[in-house]
N, C-alpha and C. Protein backbone atom coordinates (compact mmCIF):
# COMPACT_ATOMS: atom_id res chain seq x y z
N UNK A 1 -10.39 -13.52 -3.43
CA UNK A 1 -9.58 -12.29 -2.52
C UNK A 1 -10.19 -10.97 -3.06
N UNK A 2 -10.61 -10.20 -2.63
CA UNK A 2 -10.58 -8.93 -3.15
C UNK A 2 -9.79 -7.91 -2.48
N UNK A 3 -9.32 -6.78 -3.04
CA UNK A 3 -8.35 -5.90 -2.37
C UNK A 3 -9.36 -4.48 -2.22
N UNK A 4 -9.18 -3.65 -0.93
CA UNK A 4 -9.98 -2.45 -0.58
C UNK A 4 -9.24 -1.62 0.07
N UNK A 5 -9.25 -0.34 -0.47
CA UNK A 5 -8.65 0.64 0.40
C UNK A 5 -9.18 1.26 1.29
N UNK A 6 -8.65 1.50 2.51
CA UNK A 6 -9.40 2.52 3.47
C UNK A 6 -9.28 3.78 2.66
N UNK A 7 -10.15 4.45 3.34
CA UNK A 7 -10.31 5.96 2.76
C UNK A 7 -9.13 6.72 2.91
N UNK A 8 -8.07 6.56 3.78
CA UNK A 8 -6.98 7.42 3.99
C UNK A 8 -6.02 6.64 3.12
N UNK A 9 -5.99 5.45 3.01
CA UNK A 9 -4.77 4.87 2.19
C UNK A 9 -5.12 5.36 0.88
N UNK A 10 -6.23 5.35 0.38
CA UNK A 10 -6.29 5.71 -0.93
C UNK A 10 -5.92 7.03 -1.11
N UNK A 11 -6.23 8.23 -0.20
CA UNK A 11 -6.13 9.57 0.07
C UNK A 11 -4.44 9.53 -0.24
N UNK A 12 -3.85 8.92 0.64
CA UNK A 12 -2.38 8.96 0.83
C UNK A 12 -1.79 8.36 -0.53
N UNK A 13 -2.31 7.51 -1.56
CA UNK A 13 -1.66 6.93 -2.93
C UNK A 13 -1.97 7.84 -4.08
N UNK A 14 -2.92 8.65 -3.74
CA UNK A 14 -3.39 9.79 -4.89
C UNK A 14 -2.75 10.96 -4.34
N UNK A 15 -2.16 11.43 -3.25
CA UNK A 15 -1.24 12.50 -2.55
C UNK A 15 0.22 11.90 -3.40
N UNK A 16 0.71 10.81 -3.16
CA UNK A 16 2.08 10.70 -3.79
C UNK A 16 1.62 10.74 -5.57
N UNK A 17 0.52 10.11 -6.19
CA UNK A 17 0.56 10.22 -7.27
C UNK A 17 0.71 11.77 -7.82
N UNK A 18 -0.05 12.55 -7.28
CA UNK A 18 -0.23 13.92 -7.38
C UNK A 18 1.22 14.66 -7.25
N UNK A 19 1.96 14.34 -6.17
CA UNK A 19 3.38 14.69 -6.06
C UNK A 19 4.13 14.83 -7.33
N UNK A 20 4.19 13.32 -7.77
CA UNK A 20 5.08 12.86 -8.89
C UNK A 20 4.47 13.47 -10.40
N UNK A 21 3.43 13.26 -10.37
CA UNK A 21 2.49 13.86 -11.69
C UNK A 21 2.83 15.15 -11.74
N UNK A 22 3.01 16.12 -10.50
CA UNK A 22 3.57 17.49 -10.73
C UNK A 22 4.81 18.04 -11.56
N UNK A 23 5.40 16.83 -11.46
CA UNK A 23 6.67 16.75 -12.29
C UNK A 23 6.87 16.33 -13.41
N UNK A 24 6.22 15.28 -13.38
CA UNK A 24 6.64 14.03 -14.70
C UNK A 24 5.13 13.39 -14.73
N UNK A 25 4.15 13.50 -15.42
CA UNK A 25 2.87 12.89 -15.69
C UNK A 25 3.29 11.24 -15.91
N UNK A 26 3.99 10.91 -16.76
CA UNK A 26 4.52 9.89 -17.04
C UNK A 26 5.00 8.94 -16.03
N UNK A 27 6.21 9.54 -15.31
CA UNK A 27 6.51 9.09 -14.38
C UNK A 27 5.47 8.37 -13.17
N UNK A 28 4.54 9.39 -12.87
CA UNK A 28 3.17 9.06 -11.88
C UNK A 28 2.48 7.83 -12.51
N UNK A 29 1.92 7.86 -13.72
CA UNK A 29 1.36 6.66 -14.18
C UNK A 29 2.37 5.45 -14.05
N UNK A 30 3.48 5.52 -14.36
CA UNK A 30 4.05 4.41 -14.50
C UNK A 30 4.39 3.60 -12.90
N UNK A 31 4.27 4.28 -12.03
CA UNK A 31 4.71 4.38 -10.75
C UNK A 31 3.01 3.64 -10.23
N UNK A 32 1.79 4.39 -10.52
CA UNK A 32 0.65 3.69 -9.98
C UNK A 32 0.77 2.36 -10.86
N UNK A 33 0.95 2.20 -11.98
CA UNK A 33 0.77 0.62 -12.60
C UNK A 33 1.43 -0.38 -11.96
N UNK A 34 2.80 0.06 -11.39
CA UNK A 34 3.52 -0.68 -10.77
C UNK A 34 2.59 -1.28 -9.27
N UNK A 35 2.26 0.14 -8.98
CA UNK A 35 1.38 -0.40 -7.25
C UNK A 35 0.34 -1.30 -7.59
N UNK A 36 -0.41 -0.94 -8.71
CA UNK A 36 -1.71 -1.87 -9.22
C UNK A 36 -1.59 -3.22 -9.46
N UNK A 37 -0.54 -3.54 -10.31
CA UNK A 37 0.00 -4.79 -10.32
C UNK A 37 0.36 -5.54 -9.09
N UNK A 38 1.02 -4.67 -8.34
CA UNK A 38 1.20 -5.48 -6.73
C UNK A 38 0.52 -6.03 -6.19
N UNK A 39 -0.83 -5.09 -6.10
CA UNK A 39 -1.99 -5.22 -5.44
C UNK A 39 -2.92 -6.22 -5.96
N UNK A 40 -2.79 -6.71 -7.18
CA UNK A 40 -3.30 -7.65 -8.24
C UNK A 40 -2.88 -9.09 -7.60
N UNK A 41 -1.72 -8.98 -7.15
CA UNK A 41 -0.94 -10.14 -6.64
C UNK A 41 -1.89 -10.75 -5.64
N UNK A 42 -2.03 -10.00 -4.65
CA UNK A 42 -2.92 -10.12 -3.24
C UNK A 42 -4.15 -10.94 -3.51
N UNK A 43 -4.79 -10.59 -4.99
CA UNK A 43 -6.07 -11.59 -5.08
C UNK A 43 -5.85 -12.92 -5.00
N UNK A 44 -4.71 -13.52 -5.26
CA UNK A 44 -4.48 -14.97 -5.32
C UNK A 44 -3.66 -15.37 -4.15
N UNK A 45 -2.56 -14.60 -3.69
CA UNK A 45 -1.50 -14.79 -2.73
C UNK A 45 -1.67 -13.97 -1.65
N UNK A 46 -2.64 -13.66 -0.60
CA UNK A 46 -2.70 -12.70 0.30
C UNK A 46 -1.89 -12.49 1.08
N UNK A 47 -0.91 -13.57 1.70
CA UNK A 47 -0.01 -13.54 2.16
C UNK A 47 1.55 -13.17 1.94
N UNK A 48 1.51 -12.88 0.57
CA UNK A 48 2.85 -12.68 0.06
C UNK A 48 3.65 -11.54 0.22
N UNK A 49 3.20 -10.38 1.19
CA UNK A 49 3.77 -9.49 1.48
C UNK A 49 4.62 -9.68 2.50
N UNK A 50 5.54 -8.95 2.71
CA UNK A 50 6.46 -9.49 4.21
C UNK A 50 5.49 -8.82 5.35
N UNK A 51 6.41 -9.19 6.47
CA UNK A 51 6.07 -8.47 7.85
C UNK A 51 6.69 -7.13 7.86
N UNK A 52 6.10 -6.45 8.55
CA UNK A 52 6.36 -4.78 8.32
C UNK A 52 7.37 -5.03 9.35
N UNK A 53 8.81 -4.29 9.15
CA UNK A 53 9.87 -4.96 10.17
C UNK A 53 9.73 -3.85 11.62
N UNK A 54 8.91 -2.65 11.18
CA UNK A 54 8.86 -1.85 12.53
C UNK A 54 8.04 -2.60 13.16
N UNK A 55 7.00 -3.29 13.24
CA UNK A 55 6.05 -3.70 13.76
C UNK A 55 6.04 -5.35 13.61
N UNK A 56 7.12 -6.17 13.91
CA UNK A 56 7.06 -7.62 13.37
C UNK A 56 6.06 -8.31 14.31
N UNK A 57 5.47 -8.13 15.54
CA UNK A 57 4.53 -8.13 16.31
C UNK A 57 2.97 -8.39 15.83
N UNK A 58 2.76 -7.64 15.13
CA UNK A 58 1.57 -7.31 14.34
C UNK A 58 1.59 -8.28 13.22
N UNK A 59 0.14 -8.62 12.92
CA UNK A 59 -0.34 -9.26 11.73
C UNK A 59 -0.39 -8.61 10.39
N UNK A 60 -0.39 -7.20 10.33
CA UNK A 60 -0.32 -6.77 9.31
C UNK A 60 1.30 -6.63 8.33
N UNK A 61 0.93 -6.76 7.18
CA UNK A 61 1.95 -6.98 6.01
C UNK A 61 2.21 -5.89 5.19
N UNK A 62 2.94 -5.88 4.12
CA UNK A 62 3.48 -4.85 3.60
C UNK A 62 3.90 -5.32 2.11
N UNK A 63 3.77 -4.67 0.88
CA UNK A 63 4.14 -4.97 -0.12
C UNK A 63 5.31 -3.61 -0.54
N UNK A 64 6.29 -3.98 -1.04
CA UNK A 64 7.17 -2.95 -1.68
C UNK A 64 7.25 -2.70 -2.91
N UNK A 65 6.68 -1.63 -3.49
CA UNK A 65 6.90 -1.10 -4.65
C UNK A 65 7.75 0.07 -4.81
N UNK A 66 9.01 -0.23 -4.99
CA UNK A 66 10.07 1.33 -4.46
C UNK A 66 9.39 2.48 -5.40
N UNK A 67 9.79 3.43 -4.68
CA UNK A 67 10.24 3.63 -3.24
C UNK A 67 9.02 3.72 -2.62
N UNK A 68 7.80 3.10 -2.63
CA UNK A 68 6.69 2.87 -1.79
C UNK A 68 6.40 1.49 -1.09
N UNK A 69 5.83 1.69 -0.03
CA UNK A 69 5.51 0.63 1.17
C UNK A 69 4.01 0.55 1.32
N UNK A 70 3.27 -0.33 0.90
CA UNK A 70 2.04 -0.51 0.88
C UNK A 70 1.54 -1.50 2.08
N UNK A 71 1.01 -0.90 3.41
CA UNK A 71 0.38 -1.86 4.78
C UNK A 71 -1.02 -2.19 4.33
N UNK A 72 -0.96 -3.49 4.45
CA UNK A 72 -2.40 -4.00 4.43
C UNK A 72 -2.43 -5.21 5.42
N UNK A 73 -3.81 -5.64 5.71
CA UNK A 73 -4.16 -6.55 6.65
C UNK A 73 -5.24 -7.63 5.85
N UNK A 74 -5.26 -8.61 6.04
CA UNK A 74 -6.29 -9.46 5.53
C UNK A 74 -7.37 -9.97 6.37
N UNK A 75 -8.32 -9.76 6.11
CA UNK A 75 -9.59 -10.29 6.94
C UNK A 75 -10.53 -11.02 6.07
N UNK A 76 -10.83 -12.30 6.69
CA UNK A 76 -11.70 -13.16 5.79
C UNK A 76 -11.12 -13.24 4.30
N UNK A 77 -11.89 -12.57 3.48
CA UNK A 77 -11.95 -12.83 1.87
C UNK A 77 -11.57 -11.64 1.48
N UNK A 78 -10.85 -10.57 2.21
CA UNK A 78 -10.70 -9.11 1.82
C UNK A 78 -9.06 -8.58 2.42
N UNK A 79 -8.15 -8.12 1.18
CA UNK A 79 -7.17 -7.78 1.91
C UNK A 79 -7.51 -5.99 1.81
N UNK A 80 -6.90 -5.58 3.29
CA UNK A 80 -7.49 -4.13 3.60
C UNK A 80 -6.34 -3.25 3.30
N UNK A 81 -6.38 -2.34 2.31
CA UNK A 81 -5.32 -1.74 2.44
C UNK A 81 -5.18 -0.26 3.33
N UNK A 82 -4.04 -0.16 4.16
CA UNK A 82 -4.22 0.69 5.25
C UNK A 82 -3.57 1.85 5.13
N UNK A 83 -2.06 1.86 4.66
CA UNK A 83 -1.71 2.88 4.21
C UNK A 83 -0.86 2.87 3.23
N UNK A 84 -0.31 3.90 2.62
CA UNK A 84 0.70 3.74 1.17
C UNK A 84 1.87 4.87 1.86
N UNK A 85 2.95 4.59 2.07
CA UNK A 85 3.86 5.16 2.47
C UNK A 85 5.25 5.45 1.36
N UNK A 86 5.78 6.55 1.53
CA UNK A 86 7.05 6.56 0.83
C UNK A 86 7.90 5.93 1.32
N UNK A 87 9.22 5.41 0.99
CA UNK A 87 10.07 4.88 1.88
C UNK A 87 11.09 5.57 2.61
N UNK A 88 10.99 6.92 2.39
CA UNK A 88 11.82 8.03 3.30
C UNK A 88 10.64 8.63 4.40
N UNK A 89 9.70 8.07 4.72
CA UNK A 89 8.34 8.57 5.43
C UNK A 89 9.11 7.89 6.63
N UNK A 90 8.74 8.27 7.70
CA UNK A 90 8.55 7.64 9.22
C UNK A 90 7.60 6.71 9.15
N UNK A 91 7.44 5.54 9.29
CA UNK A 91 6.20 4.65 9.49
C UNK A 91 5.86 4.68 10.71
N UNK A 92 4.42 4.52 10.87
CA UNK A 92 3.43 4.93 12.11
C UNK A 92 2.72 3.73 11.39
N UNK A 93 1.98 2.81 12.87
CA UNK A 93 0.99 2.00 12.44
C UNK A 93 -0.17 2.61 12.44
N UNK A 94 -1.30 2.33 11.41
CA UNK A 94 -2.50 3.18 11.17
C UNK A 94 -3.59 2.16 11.97
N UNK A 95 -4.11 2.39 12.85
CA UNK A 95 -5.47 1.76 13.35
C UNK A 95 -6.57 1.56 12.28
N UNK A 96 -7.20 0.50 11.81
CA UNK A 96 -8.06 0.48 10.66
C UNK A 96 -9.65 0.75 11.53
N UNK A 97 -9.58 2.38 11.23
CA UNK A 97 -10.84 2.60 12.12
C UNK A 97 -11.87 3.45 11.02
N UNK A 98 -11.72 3.39 9.65
CA UNK A 98 -12.44 3.98 8.55
C UNK A 98 -13.49 2.85 8.28
């Protein structure tokens, strides 16, 4: 299983990194490492994320890396990262059109 970011999801992740790094670069690197570690688990366990509570009828899942939520869906041998939200953000479903 490979993990691939949609362009907008990667941009969201980098925006979060930049926001944290502006105040504390070490904290930004720490949270990024935690996120990357969580994403590595998808390579072996693609269904390990939970259903998204706001969208229980949809097939997408999410990984929680406090305070972040990483939305993804599995298609064939690929886990597509669709969005990266801060836990305080309003969650919206992102159509995979990239």
